[in-house]
Amino acid sequence: TANVFRQIHVQAEQIIAGGAARLGRVVTTAVHEG
């Protein structure tokens, strides 16, 4: 549950997501970043 396991980072055309990150949040982050 700690934030260190839920981070989401965008690097150019890549998204690096923590294993504990909510999948829905990763999807919306990708869309927001085009």
Full PDB file with SEQRES, HELIX, SHEET, SSBOND, CRYST1, ORIGX, SCALE, CONECT and MASTER records, all heavy atoms in Angstrom:
SEQRES   1 A   34  THR ALA ASN VAL PHE ARG GLN ILE HIS VAL GLN ALA GLU          
SEQRES   2 A   34  GLN ILE ILE ALA GLY GLY ALA ALA ARG LEU GLY ARG VAL          
SEQRES   3 A   34  VAL THR THR ALA VAL HIS GLU GLY                              
HELIX    1 AA1 ASN A    3  PHE A    5  5                                   3    
HELIX    2 AA2 LEU A   23  HIS A   32  1                                  10    
SHEET    1 AA1 2 ILE A   8  GLN A  11  0                                        
SHEET    2 AA1 2 GLN A  14  ALA A  17 -1                                        
CRYST1    1.000    1.000    1.000  90.00  90.00  90.00 P 1           1          
ORIGX1      1.000000  0.000000  0.000000        0.00000                         
ORIGX2      0.000000  1.000000  0.000000        0.00000                         
ORIGX3      0.000000  0.000000  1.000000        0.00000                         
SCALE1      1.000000  0.000000  0.000000        0.00000                         
SCALE2      0.000000  1.000000  0.000000        0.00000                         
SCALE3      0.000000  0.000000  1.000000        0.00000                         
ATOM      1  N   THR A   1       0.812  -1.224   0.000  1.00  0.00           N  
ATOM      2  CA  THR A   1       0.000   0.000   0.000  1.00  0.00           C  
ATOM      3  C   THR A   1       0.843   1.271   0.000  1.00  0.00           C  
ATOM      4  O   THR A   1       0.312   2.351  -0.269  1.00  0.00           O  
ATOM      5  CB  THR A   1      -0.919   0.014   1.231  1.00  0.00           C  
ATOM      6  OG1 THR A   1      -0.123  -0.169   2.411  1.00  0.00           O  
ATOM      7  CG2 THR A   1      -1.942  -1.109   1.155  1.00  0.00           C  
ATOM      8  N   ALA A   2       2.123   1.182   0.302  1.00  0.00           N  
ATOM      9  CA  ALA A   2       2.979   2.369   0.368  1.00  0.00           C  
ATOM     10  C   ALA A   2       3.186   2.969  -1.022  1.00  0.00           C  
ATOM     11  O   ALA A   2       3.197   2.259  -2.031  1.00  0.00           O  
ATOM     12  CB  ALA A   2       4.329   2.009   0.987  1.00  0.00           C  
ATOM     13  N   ASN A   3       3.369   4.286  -1.066  1.00  0.00           N  
ATOM     14  CA  ASN A   3       3.502   4.993  -2.343  1.00  0.00           C  
ATOM     15  C   ASN A   3       4.674   4.491  -3.185  1.00  0.00           C  
ATOM     16  O   ASN A   3       4.620   4.526  -4.414  1.00  0.00           O  
ATOM     17  CB  ASN A   3       3.655   6.500  -2.100  1.00  0.00           C  
ATOM     18  CG  ASN A   3       2.346   7.155  -1.718  1.00  0.00           C  
ATOM     19  OD1 ASN A   3       1.272   6.643  -2.053  1.00  0.00           O  
ATOM     20  ND2 ASN A   3       2.412   8.264  -1.004  1.00  0.00           N  
ATOM     21  N   VAL A   4       5.724   4.016  -2.536  1.00  0.00           N  
ATOM     22  CA  VAL A   4       6.911   3.571  -3.271  1.00  0.00           C  
ATOM     23  C   VAL A   4       6.586   2.421  -4.227  1.00  0.00           C  
ATOM     24  O   VAL A   4       7.255   2.239  -5.249  1.00  0.00           O  
ATOM     25  CB  VAL A   4       8.034   3.151  -2.291  1.00  0.00           C  
ATOM     26  CG1 VAL A   4       7.636   1.903  -1.489  1.00  0.00           C  
ATOM     27  CG2 VAL A   4       9.351   2.917  -3.027  1.00  0.00           C  
ATOM     28  N   PHE A   5       5.522   1.677  -3.940  1.00  0.00           N  
ATOM     29  CA  PHE A   5       5.146   0.536  -4.791  1.00  0.00           C  
ATOM     30  C   PHE A   5       4.094   0.906  -5.837  1.00  0.00           C  
ATOM     31  O   PHE A   5       3.675   0.052  -6.609  1.00  0.00           O  
ATOM     32  CB  PHE A   5       4.611  -0.613  -3.925  1.00  0.00           C  
ATOM     33  CG  PHE A   5       5.562  -1.066  -2.852  1.00  0.00           C  
ATOM     34  CD1 PHE A   5       5.289  -0.823  -1.513  1.00  0.00           C  
ATOM     35  CD2 PHE A   5       6.745  -1.716  -3.193  1.00  0.00           C  
ATOM     36  CE1 PHE A   5       6.169  -1.237  -0.522  1.00  0.00           C  
ATOM     37  CE2 PHE A   5       7.632  -2.128  -2.203  1.00  0.00           C  
ATOM     38  CZ  PHE A   5       7.347  -1.883  -0.862  1.00  0.00           C  
ATOM     39  N   ARG A   6       3.657   2.186  -5.845  1.00  0.00           N  
ATOM     40  CA  ARG A   6       2.538   2.577  -6.713  1.00  0.00           C  
ATOM     41  C   ARG A   6       2.886   3.718  -7.664  1.00  0.00           C  
ATOM     42  O   ARG A   6       2.004   4.317  -8.271  1.00  0.00           O  
ATOM     43  CB  ARG A   6       1.333   2.987  -5.853  1.00  0.00           C  
ATOM     44  CG  ARG A   6       0.840   1.866  -4.936  1.00  0.00           C  
ATOM     45  CD  ARG A   6      -0.447   2.256  -4.231  1.00  0.00           C  
ATOM     46  NE  ARG A   6      -0.253   3.361  -3.319  1.00  0.00           N  
ATOM     47  CZ  ARG A   6      -1.248   3.961  -2.658  1.00  0.00           C  
ATOM     48  NH1 ARG A   6      -2.495   3.571  -2.836  1.00  0.00           N  
ATOM     49  NH2 ARG A   6      -0.994   4.952  -1.834  1.00  0.00           N  
ATOM     50  N   GLN A   7       4.150   4.010  -7.819  1.00  0.00           N  
ATOM     51  CA  GLN A   7       4.570   5.140  -8.653  1.00  0.00           C  
ATOM     52  C   GLN A   7       4.302   4.881 -10.139  1.00  0.00           C  
ATOM     53  O   GLN A   7       4.377   3.738 -10.607  1.00  0.00           O  
ATOM     54  CB  GLN A   7       6.057   5.408  -8.451  1.00  0.00           C  
ATOM     55  CG  GLN A   7       6.435   5.797  -7.035  1.00  0.00           C  
ATOM     56  CD  GLN A   7       5.847   7.128  -6.612  1.00  0.00           C  
ATOM     57  OE1 GLN A   7       5.956   8.111  -7.341  1.00  0.00           O  
ATOM     58  NE2 GLN A   7       5.215   7.156  -5.457  1.00  0.00           N  
ATOM     59  N   ILE A   8       4.004   5.951 -10.879  1.00  0.00           N  
ATOM     60  CA  ILE A   8       3.822   5.883 -12.329  1.00  0.00           C  
ATOM     61  C   ILE A   8       4.677   6.977 -12.962  1.00  0.00           C  
ATOM     62  O   ILE A   8       4.547   8.154 -12.611  1.00  0.00           O  
ATOM     63  CB  ILE A   8       2.339   6.085 -12.726  1.00  0.00           C  
ATOM     64  CG1 ILE A   8       1.454   5.022 -12.062  1.00  0.00           C  
ATOM     65  CG2 ILE A   8       2.177   6.041 -14.258  1.00  0.00           C  
ATOM     66  CD1 ILE A   8      -0.032   5.270 -12.254  1.00  0.00           C  
ATOM     67  N   HIS A   9       5.554   6.581 -13.880  1.00  0.00           N  
ATOM     68  CA  HIS A   9       6.432   7.539 -14.554  1.00  0.00           C  
ATOM     69  C   HIS A   9       6.278   7.407 -16.069  1.00  0.00           C  
ATOM     70  O   HIS A   9       6.118   6.300 -16.583  1.00  0.00           O  
ATOM     71  CB  HIS A   9       7.893   7.295 -14.174  1.00  0.00           C  
ATOM     72  CG  HIS A   9       8.165   7.366 -12.704  1.00  0.00           C  
ATOM     73  ND1 HIS A   9       8.180   8.555 -12.002  1.00  0.00           N  
ATOM     74  CD2 HIS A   9       8.421   6.389 -11.797  1.00  0.00           C  
ATOM     75  CE1 HIS A   9       8.433   8.314 -10.737  1.00  0.00           C  
ATOM     76  NE2 HIS A   9       8.581   7.009 -10.588  1.00  0.00           N  
ATOM     77  N   VAL A  10       6.344   8.542 -16.751  1.00  0.00           N  
ATOM     78  CA  VAL A  10       6.277   8.565 -18.212  1.00  0.00           C  
ATOM     79  C   VAL A  10       7.626   9.002 -18.755  1.00  0.00           C  
ATOM     80  O   VAL A  10       8.161  10.040 -18.358  1.00  0.00           O  
ATOM     81  CB  VAL A  10       5.169   9.528 -18.709  1.00  0.00           C  
ATOM     82  CG1 VAL A  10       5.115   9.517 -20.235  1.00  0.00           C  
ATOM     83  CG2 VAL A  10       3.827   9.156 -18.114  1.00  0.00           C  
ATOM     84  N   GLN A  11       8.200   8.193 -19.655  1.00  0.00           N  
ATOM     85  CA  GLN A  11       9.468   8.511 -20.291  1.00  0.00           C  
ATOM     86  C   GLN A  11       9.303   8.316 -21.791  1.00  0.00           C  
ATOM     87  O   GLN A  11       9.289   7.181 -22.277  1.00  0.00           O  
ATOM     88  CB  GLN A  11      10.586   7.605 -19.757  1.00  0.00           C  
ATOM     89  CG  GLN A  11      10.871   7.792 -18.272  1.00  0.00           C  
ATOM     90  CD  GLN A  11      11.969   6.859 -17.764  1.00  0.00           C  
ATOM     91  OE1 GLN A  11      12.532   6.083 -18.517  1.00  0.00           O  
ATOM     92  NE2 GLN A  11      12.263   6.947 -16.473  1.00  0.00           N  
ATOM     93  N   ALA A  12       9.146   9.445 -22.506  1.00  0.00           N  
ATOM     94  CA  ALA A  12       8.920   9.400 -23.956  1.00  0.00           C  
ATOM     95  C   ALA A  12       7.685   8.536 -24.246  1.00  0.00           C  
ATOM     96  O   ALA A  12       6.584   8.880 -23.817  1.00  0.00           O  
ATOM     97  CB  ALA A  12      10.157   8.903 -24.691  1.00  0.00           C  
ATOM     98  N   GLU A  13       7.855   7.407 -24.934  1.00  0.00           N  
ATOM     99  CA  GLU A  13       6.712   6.556 -25.272  1.00  0.00           C  
ATOM    100  C   GLU A  13       6.579   5.356 -24.334  1.00  0.00           C  
ATOM    101  O   GLU A  13       5.884   4.389 -24.644  1.00  0.00           O  
ATOM    102  CB  GLU A  13       6.838   6.085 -26.728  1.00  0.00           C  
ATOM    103  CG  GLU A  13       6.747   7.240 -27.718  1.00  0.00           C  
ATOM    104  CD  GLU A  13       7.069   6.828 -29.140  1.00  0.00           C  
ATOM    105  OE1 GLU A  13       7.152   5.616 -29.415  1.00  0.00           O  
ATOM    106  OE2 GLU A  13       7.237   7.728 -29.986  1.00  0.00           O  
ATOM    107  N   GLN A  14       7.237   5.444 -23.208  1.00  0.00           N  
ATOM    108  CA  GLN A  14       7.155   4.366 -22.222  1.00  0.00           C  
ATOM    109  C   GLN A  14       6.477   4.840 -20.939  1.00  0.00           C  
ATOM    110  O   GLN A  14       6.615   6.005 -20.549  1.00  0.00           O  
ATOM    111  CB  GLN A  14       8.553   3.838 -21.872  1.00  0.00           C  
ATOM    112  CG  GLN A  14       9.252   3.140 -23.025  1.00  0.00           C  
ATOM    113  CD  GLN A  14      10.609   2.588 -22.625  1.00  0.00           C  
ATOM    114  OE1 GLN A  14      11.091   2.821 -21.514  1.00  0.00           O  
ATOM    115  NE2 GLN A  14      11.242   1.853 -23.520  1.00  0.00           N  
ATOM    116  N   ILE A  15       5.754   3.917 -20.317  1.00  0.00           N  
ATOM    117  CA  ILE A  15       5.214   4.154 -18.970  1.00  0.00           C  
ATOM    118  C   ILE A  15       5.793   3.091 -18.061  1.00  0.00           C  
ATOM    119  O   ILE A  15       5.723   1.893 -18.358  1.00  0.00           O  
ATOM    120  CB  ILE A  15       3.681   4.113 -18.946  1.00  0.00           C  
ATOM    121  CG1 ILE A  15       3.115   5.387 -19.578  1.00  0.00           C  
ATOM    122  CG2 ILE A  15       3.154   3.943 -17.528  1.00  0.00           C  
ATOM    123  CD1 ILE A  15       1.629   5.558 -19.436  1.00  0.00           C  
ATOM    124  N   ILE A  16       6.386   3.551 -16.952  1.00  0.00           N  
ATOM    125  CA  ILE A  16       6.908   2.633 -15.943  1.00  0.00           C  
ATOM    126  C   ILE A  16       5.979   2.741 -14.742  1.00  0.00           C  
ATOM    127  O   ILE A  16       5.847   3.810 -14.131  1.00  0.00           O  
ATOM    128  CB  ILE A  16       8.356   2.972 -15.545  1.00  0.00           C  
ATOM    129  CG1 ILE A  16       9.288   2.813 -16.762  1.00  0.00           C  
ATOM    130  CG2 ILE A  16       8.828   2.070 -14.422  1.00  0.00           C  
ATOM    131  CD1 ILE A  16       9.571   4.074 -17.505  1.00  0.00           C  
ATOM    132  N   ALA A  17       5.317   1.633 -14.428  1.00  0.00           N  
ATOM    133  CA  ALA A  17       4.300   1.639 -13.378  1.00  0.00           C  
ATOM    134  C   ALA A  17       4.645   0.646 -12.282  1.00  0.00           C  
ATOM    135  O   ALA A  17       5.053  -0.486 -12.552  1.00  0.00           O  
ATOM    136  CB  ALA A  17       2.936   1.283 -13.976  1.00  0.00           C  
ATOM    137  N   GLY A  18       4.460   1.075 -11.044  1.00  0.00           N  
ATOM    138  CA  GLY A  18       4.658   0.181  -9.914  1.00  0.00           C  
ATOM    139  C   GLY A  18       3.654  -0.960  -9.954  1.00  0.00           C  
ATOM    140  O   GLY A  18       2.516  -0.787 -10.399  1.00  0.00           O  
ATOM    141  N   GLY A  19       4.066  -2.126  -9.481  1.00  0.00           N  
ATOM    142  CA  GLY A  19       3.186  -3.284  -9.511  1.00  0.00           C  
ATOM    143  C   GLY A  19       1.904  -3.076  -8.737  1.00  0.00           C  
ATOM    144  O   GLY A  19       0.859  -3.647  -9.070  1.00  0.00           O  
ATOM    145  N   ALA A  20       1.947  -2.252  -7.686  1.00  0.00           N  
ATOM    146  CA  ALA A  20       0.760  -2.007  -6.872  1.00  0.00           C  
ATOM    147  C   ALA A  20      -0.080  -0.848  -7.387  1.00  0.00           C  
ATOM    148  O   ALA A  20      -1.130  -0.538  -6.812  1.00  0.00           O  
ATOM    149  CB  ALA A  20       1.162  -1.756  -5.420  1.00  0.00           C  
ATOM    150  N   ALA A  21       0.359  -0.199  -8.468  1.00  0.00           N  
ATOM    151  CA  ALA A  21      -0.429   0.898  -9.037  1.00  0.00           C  
ATOM    152  C   ALA A  21      -1.749   0.365  -9.588  1.00  0.00           C  
ATOM    153  O   ALA A  21      -1.810  -0.755 -10.092  1.00  0.00           O  
ATOM    154  CB  ALA A  21       0.357   1.583 -10.156  1.00  0.00           C  
ATOM    155  N   ARG A  22      -2.789   1.174  -9.473  1.00  0.00           N  
ATOM    156  CA  ARG A  22      -4.092   0.776  -9.995  1.00  0.00           C  
ATOM    157  C   ARG A  22      -4.036   0.801 -11.518  1.00  0.00           C  
ATOM    158  O   ARG A  22      -3.614   1.778 -12.130  1.00  0.00           O  
ATOM    159  CB  ARG A  22      -5.156   1.735  -9.466  1.00  0.00           C  
ATOM    160  CG  ARG A  22      -6.576   1.270  -9.620  1.00  0.00           C  
ATOM    161  CD  ARG A  22      -7.504   2.037  -8.696  1.00  0.00           C  
ATOM    162  NE  ARG A  22      -7.303   3.476  -8.773  1.00  0.00           N  
ATOM    163  CZ  ARG A  22      -7.868   4.267  -9.687  1.00  0.00           C  
ATOM    164  NH1 ARG A  22      -8.654   3.751 -10.609  1.00  0.00           N  
ATOM    165  NH2 ARG A  22      -7.642   5.572  -9.677  1.00  0.00           N  
ATOM    166  N   LEU A  23      -4.455  -0.299 -12.149  1.00  0.00           N  
ATOM    167  CA  LEU A  23      -4.392  -0.391 -13.608  1.00  0.00           C  
ATOM    168  C   LEU A  23      -5.162   0.746 -14.270  1.00  0.00           C  
ATOM    169  O   LEU A  23      -4.692   1.332 -15.252  1.00  0.00           O  
ATOM    170  CB  LEU A  23      -4.941  -1.748 -14.078  1.00  0.00           C  
ATOM    171  CG  LEU A  23      -4.925  -1.987 -15.589  1.00  0.00           C  
ATOM    172  CD1 LEU A  23      -3.504  -1.940 -16.139  1.00  0.00           C  
ATOM    173  CD2 LEU A  23      -5.587  -3.314 -15.921  1.00  0.00           C  
ATOM    174  N   GLY A  24      -6.325   1.071 -13.735  1.00  0.00           N  
ATOM    175  CA  GLY A  24      -7.131   2.148 -14.312  1.00  0.00           C  
ATOM    176  C   GLY A  24      -6.398   3.479 -14.336  1.00  0.00           C  
ATOM    177  O   GLY A  24      -6.530   4.257 -15.286  1.00  0.00           O  
ATOM    178  N   ARG A  25      -5.595   3.742 -13.307  1.00  0.00           N  
ATOM    179  CA  ARG A  25      -4.836   4.994 -13.256  1.00  0.00           C  
ATOM    180  C   ARG A  25      -3.732   4.999 -14.303  1.00  0.00           C  
ATOM    181  O   ARG A  25      -3.424   6.034 -14.906  1.00  0.00           O  
ATOM    182  CB  ARG A  25      -4.251   5.189 -11.852  1.00  0.00           C  
ATOM    183  CG  ARG A  25      -3.553   6.514 -11.677  1.00  0.00           C  
ATOM    184  CD  ARG A  25      -3.347   6.892 -10.224  1.00  0.00           C  
ATOM    185  NE  ARG A  25      -2.427   8.008 -10.133  1.00  0.00           N  
ATOM    186  CZ  ARG A  25      -1.178   7.923  -9.697  1.00  0.00           C  
ATOM    187  NH1 ARG A  25      -0.707   6.755  -9.306  1.00  0.00           N  
ATOM    188  NH2 ARG A  25      -0.397   8.967  -9.644  1.00  0.00           N  
ATOM    189  N   VAL A  26      -3.120   3.848 -14.540  1.00  0.00           N  
ATOM    190  CA  VAL A  26      -2.083   3.753 -15.578  1.00  0.00           C  
ATOM    191  C   VAL A  26      -2.700   3.999 -16.953  1.00  0.00           C  
ATOM    192  O   VAL A  26      -2.126   4.708 -17.790  1.00  0.00           O  
ATOM    193  CB  VAL A  26      -1.403   2.368 -15.534  1.00  0.00           C  
ATOM    194  CG1 VAL A  26      -0.382   2.228 -16.669  1.00  0.00           C  
ATOM    195  CG2 VAL A  26      -0.717   2.155 -14.191  1.00  0.00           C  
ATOM    196  N   VAL A  27      -3.885   3.445 -17.189  1.00  0.00           N  
ATOM    197  CA  VAL A  27      -4.582   3.638 -18.465  1.00  0.00           C  
ATOM    198  C   VAL A  27      -4.887   5.112 -18.700  1.00  0.00           C  
ATOM    199  O   VAL A  27      -4.615   5.661 -19.778  1.00  0.00           O  
ATOM    200  CB  VAL A  27      -5.880   2.806 -18.502  1.00  0.00           C  
ATOM    201  CG1 VAL A  27      -6.689   3.142 -19.751  1.00  0.00           C  
ATOM    202  CG2 VAL A  27      -5.569   1.319 -18.467  1.00  0.00           C  
ATOM    203  N   THR A  28      -5.450   5.786 -17.704  1.00  0.00           N  
ATOM    204  CA  THR A  28      -5.802   7.196 -17.874  1.00  0.00           C  
ATOM    205  C   THR A  28      -4.555   8.075 -17.995  1.00  0.00           C  
ATOM    206  O   THR A  28      -4.567   9.070 -18.733  1.00  0.00           O  
ATOM    207  CB  THR A  28      -6.679   7.692 -16.713  1.00  0.00           C  
ATOM    208  OG1 THR A  28      -6.029   7.426 -15.460  1.00  0.00           O  
ATOM    209  CG2 THR A  28      -8.033   7.001 -16.733  1.00  0.00           C  
ATOM    210  N   THR A  29      -3.474   7.712 -17.317  1.00  0.00           N  
ATOM    211  CA  THR A  29      -2.216   8.454 -17.454  1.00  0.00           C  
ATOM    212  C   THR A  29      -1.700   8.359 -18.890  1.00  0.00           C  
ATOM    213  O   THR A  29      -1.279   9.355 -19.488  1.00  0.00           O  
ATOM    214  CB  THR A  29      -1.150   7.903 -16.487  1.00  0.00           C  
ATOM    215  OG1 THR A  29      -1.594   8.075 -15.140  1.00  0.00           O  
ATOM    216  CG2 THR A  29       0.179   8.621 -16.672  1.00  0.00           C  
ATOM    217  N   ALA A  30      -1.746   7.152 -19.460  1.00  0.00           N  
ATOM    218  CA  ALA A  30      -1.297   6.956 -20.834  1.00  0.00           C  
ATOM    219  C   ALA A  30      -2.112   7.798 -21.803  1.00  0.00           C  
ATOM    220  O   ALA A  30      -1.555   8.467 -22.691  1.00  0.00           O  
ATOM    221  CB  ALA A  30      -1.398   5.477 -21.205  1.00  0.00           C  
ATOM    222  N   VAL A  31      -3.416   7.788 -21.639  1.00  0.00           N  
ATOM    223  CA  VAL A  31      -4.297   8.557 -22.535  1.00  0.00           C  
ATOM    224  C   VAL A  31      -4.001  10.048 -22.409  1.00  0.00           C  
ATOM    225  O   VAL A  31      -3.908  10.769 -23.408  1.00  0.00           O  
ATOM    226  CB  VAL A  31      -5.778   8.243 -22.211  1.00  0.00           C  
ATOM    227  CG1 VAL A  31      -6.698   9.252 -22.887  1.00  0.00           C  
ATOM    228  CG2 VAL A  31      -6.118   6.823 -22.649  1.00  0.00           C  
ATOM    229  N   HIS A  32      -3.858  10.528 -21.187  1.00  0.00           N  
ATOM    230  CA  HIS A  32      -3.560  11.944 -20.949  1.00  0.00           C  
ATOM    231  C   HIS A  32      -2.244  12.361 -21.620  1.00  0.00           C  
ATOM    232  O   HIS A  32      -2.115  13.488 -22.120  1.00  0.00           O  
ATOM    233  CB  HIS A  32      -3.490  12.208 -19.443  1.00  0.00           C  
ATOM    234  CG  HIS A  32      -3.189  13.626 -19.096  1.00  0.00           C  
ATOM    235  ND1 HIS A  32      -4.131  14.637 -19.184  1.00  0.00           N  
ATOM    236  CD2 HIS A  32      -2.040  14.217 -18.664  1.00  0.00           C  
ATOM    237  CE1 HIS A  32      -3.575  15.788 -18.828  1.00  0.00           C  
ATOM    238  NE2 HIS A  32      -2.314  15.561 -18.505  1.00  0.00           N  
ATOM    239  N   GLU A  33      -1.282  11.432 -21.668  1.00  0.00           N  
ATOM    240  CA  GLU A  33       0.028  11.717 -22.260  1.00  0.00           C  
ATOM    241  C   GLU A  33       0.057  11.453 -23.763  1.00  0.00           C  
ATOM    242  O   GLU A  33       1.105  11.590 -24.396  1.00  0.00           O  
ATOM    243  CB  GLU A  33       1.102  10.863 -21.570  1.00  0.00           C  
ATOM    244  CG  GLU A  33       1.303  11.179 -20.095  1.00  0.00           C  
ATOM    245  CD  GLU A  33       1.950  12.531 -19.871  1.00  0.00           C  
ATOM    246  OE1 GLU A  33       2.674  13.005 -20.779  1.00  0.00           O  
ATOM    247  OE2 GLU A  33       1.736  13.112 -18.800  1.00  0.00           O  
ATOM    248  N   GLY A  34      -1.084  11.062 -24.352  1.00  0.00           N  
ATOM    249  CA  GLY A  34      -1.131  10.791 -25.784  1.00  0.00           C  
ATOM    250  C   GLY A  34      -0.437   9.508 -26.174  1.00  0.00           C  
ATOM    251  O   GLY A  34       0.160   9.408 -27.247  1.00  0.00           O  
TER     252      GLY A  34                                                      
MASTER        0    0    0    2    2    0    0    6  251    1    0    3          
END                                                                             
